[in-house]
Protein backbone atom coordinates (compact mmCIF):
# COMPACT_ATOMS: atom_id res chain seq x y z
CA UNK A 1 -125.48 -61.71 119.42
CA UNK A 2 -124.51 -62.11 115.50
CA UNK A 3 -120.88 -61.09 114.11
CA UNK A 4 -121.16 -60.56 109.66
CA UNK A 5 -118.46 -60.42 107.57
CA UNK A 6 -117.56 -59.07 104.20
CA UNK A 7 -114.15 -59.31 102.46
CA UNK A 8 -113.95 -57.01 99.34
CA UNK A 9 -111.12 -57.13 96.52
CA UNK A 10 -111.45 -53.88 95.38
CA UNK A 11 -109.47 -52.60 91.88
CA UNK A 12 -108.20 -47.99 92.60
CA UNK A 13 -107.37 -47.64 89.01
CA UNK A 14 -105.90 -44.38 89.09
CA UNK A 15 -103.80 -45.44 91.69
CA UNK A 16 -99.96 -45.40 90.24
CA UNK A 17 -97.92 -45.73 93.27
CA UNK A 18 -98.26 -47.40 96.45
CA UNK A 19 -98.61 -43.86 98.28
CA UNK A 20 -101.27 -43.23 95.54
CA UNK A 21 -103.82 -46.19 96.11
CA UNK A 22 -103.20 -45.69 100.28
CA UNK A 23 -104.15 -42.85 100.17
CA UNK A 24 -107.17 -43.83 98.45
CA UNK A 25 -107.84 -46.53 100.71
CA UNK A 26 -107.46 -43.99 103.98
CA UNK A 27 -110.25 -41.75 102.93
CA UNK A 28 -112.00 -44.86 102.58
CA UNK A 29 -111.64 -46.70 105.70
CA UNK A 30 -111.83 -42.74 107.39
CA UNK A 31 -115.61 -42.41 105.82
CA UNK A 32 -116.74 -45.97 106.99
CA UNK A 33 -115.47 -46.00 110.49
CA UNK A 34 -117.00 -42.86 111.05
CA UNK A 35 -120.33 -43.14 109.72
CA UNK A 36 -120.92 -46.71 110.86
CA UNK A 37 -120.36 -48.86 113.95
CA UNK A 38 -117.75 -50.97 111.91
CA UNK A 39 -114.28 -52.48 111.89
CA UNK A 40 -112.80 -51.93 108.52
CA UNK A 41 -108.95 -52.77 107.85
CA UNK A 42 -106.65 -53.67 104.27
CA UNK A 43 -106.59 -57.49 104.58
CA UNK A 44 -104.38 -57.94 101.10
CA UNK A 45 -102.64 -57.01 98.38
CA UNK A 46 -100.42 -54.58 99.91
CA UNK A 47 -98.14 -54.83 97.67
CA UNK A 48 -100.34 -53.92 94.86
CA UNK A 49 -100.93 -50.67 93.38
CA UNK A 50 -104.20 -51.55 92.36
CA UNK A 51 -105.79 -53.53 94.29
CA UNK A 52 -106.71 -54.62 97.66
CA UNK A 53 -108.83 -56.29 99.82
CA UNK A 54 -110.53 -54.90 102.46
CA UNK A 55 -112.43 -56.83 105.10
CA UNK A 56 -114.95 -55.43 107.74
CA UNK A 57 -116.60 -56.82 110.32
CA UNK A 58 -120.01 -55.58 112.32
CA UNK A 59 -121.22 -57.01 115.22
CA UNK A 60 -125.22 -56.16 116.48
CA UNK A 61 -128.01 -58.41 118.36
CA UNK A 62 -129.49 -60.22 115.22
CA UNK A 63 -128.24 -61.36 111.76
CA UNK A 64 -131.35 -58.93 110.44
CA UNK A 65 -129.77 -55.86 111.79
CA UNK A 66 -125.88 -57.05 111.03
CA UNK A 67 -126.36 -58.00 107.35
CA UNK A 68 -128.17 -54.69 106.58
CA UNK A 69 -124.78 -52.31 108.80
CA UNK A 70 -122.99 -54.49 106.34
CA UNK A 71 -124.65 -53.92 102.68
CA UNK A 72 -124.59 -50.11 104.15
CA UNK A 73 -121.28 -50.21 104.25
CA UNK A 74 -120.73 -52.16 100.48
CA UNK A 75 -123.49 -49.36 99.57
CA UNK A 76 -120.82 -46.89 100.97
CA UNK A 77 -118.19 -48.25 98.74
CA UNK A 78 -118.92 -48.23 95.83
CA UNK A 79 -120.42 -45.21 95.93
CA UNK A 80 -116.43 -43.89 95.49
CA UNK A 81 -115.57 -42.75 92.45
CA UNK A 82 -111.59 -44.02 92.18
CA UNK A 83 -112.57 -47.45 93.86
CA UNK A 84 -114.85 -50.53 92.33
CA UNK A 85 -115.92 -53.17 94.21
CA UNK A 86 -114.90 -56.72 92.59
CA UNK A 87 -115.65 -59.54 94.20
CA UNK A 88 -116.94 -59.67 97.89
CA UNK A 89 -118.04 -62.39 100.13
CA UNK A 90 -120.07 -62.61 103.55
CA UNK A 91 -119.02 -64.62 106.49
CA UNK A 92 -121.58 -65.19 109.63
CA UNK A 93 -119.93 -65.98 113.02
């Protein structure tokens, strides 16, 4: 069993309030959970309007399939025009 964790620091340029930021995040997190077998959560910058850190955890039998799942999740995050992924760190447990 392999656990992969991707932590993505992101910028939401058009958010002018915490309410706008949370609306964008909720849409992204819901879509990721629906499409992929991963756990997703905002883990940092809770009170900043335009910054966030999203953590994504995936578990599978092999490192290859876990890495593929995380890469697909990162591509999907990049596909949302309202958010820009800046720093991404991947850890293996």
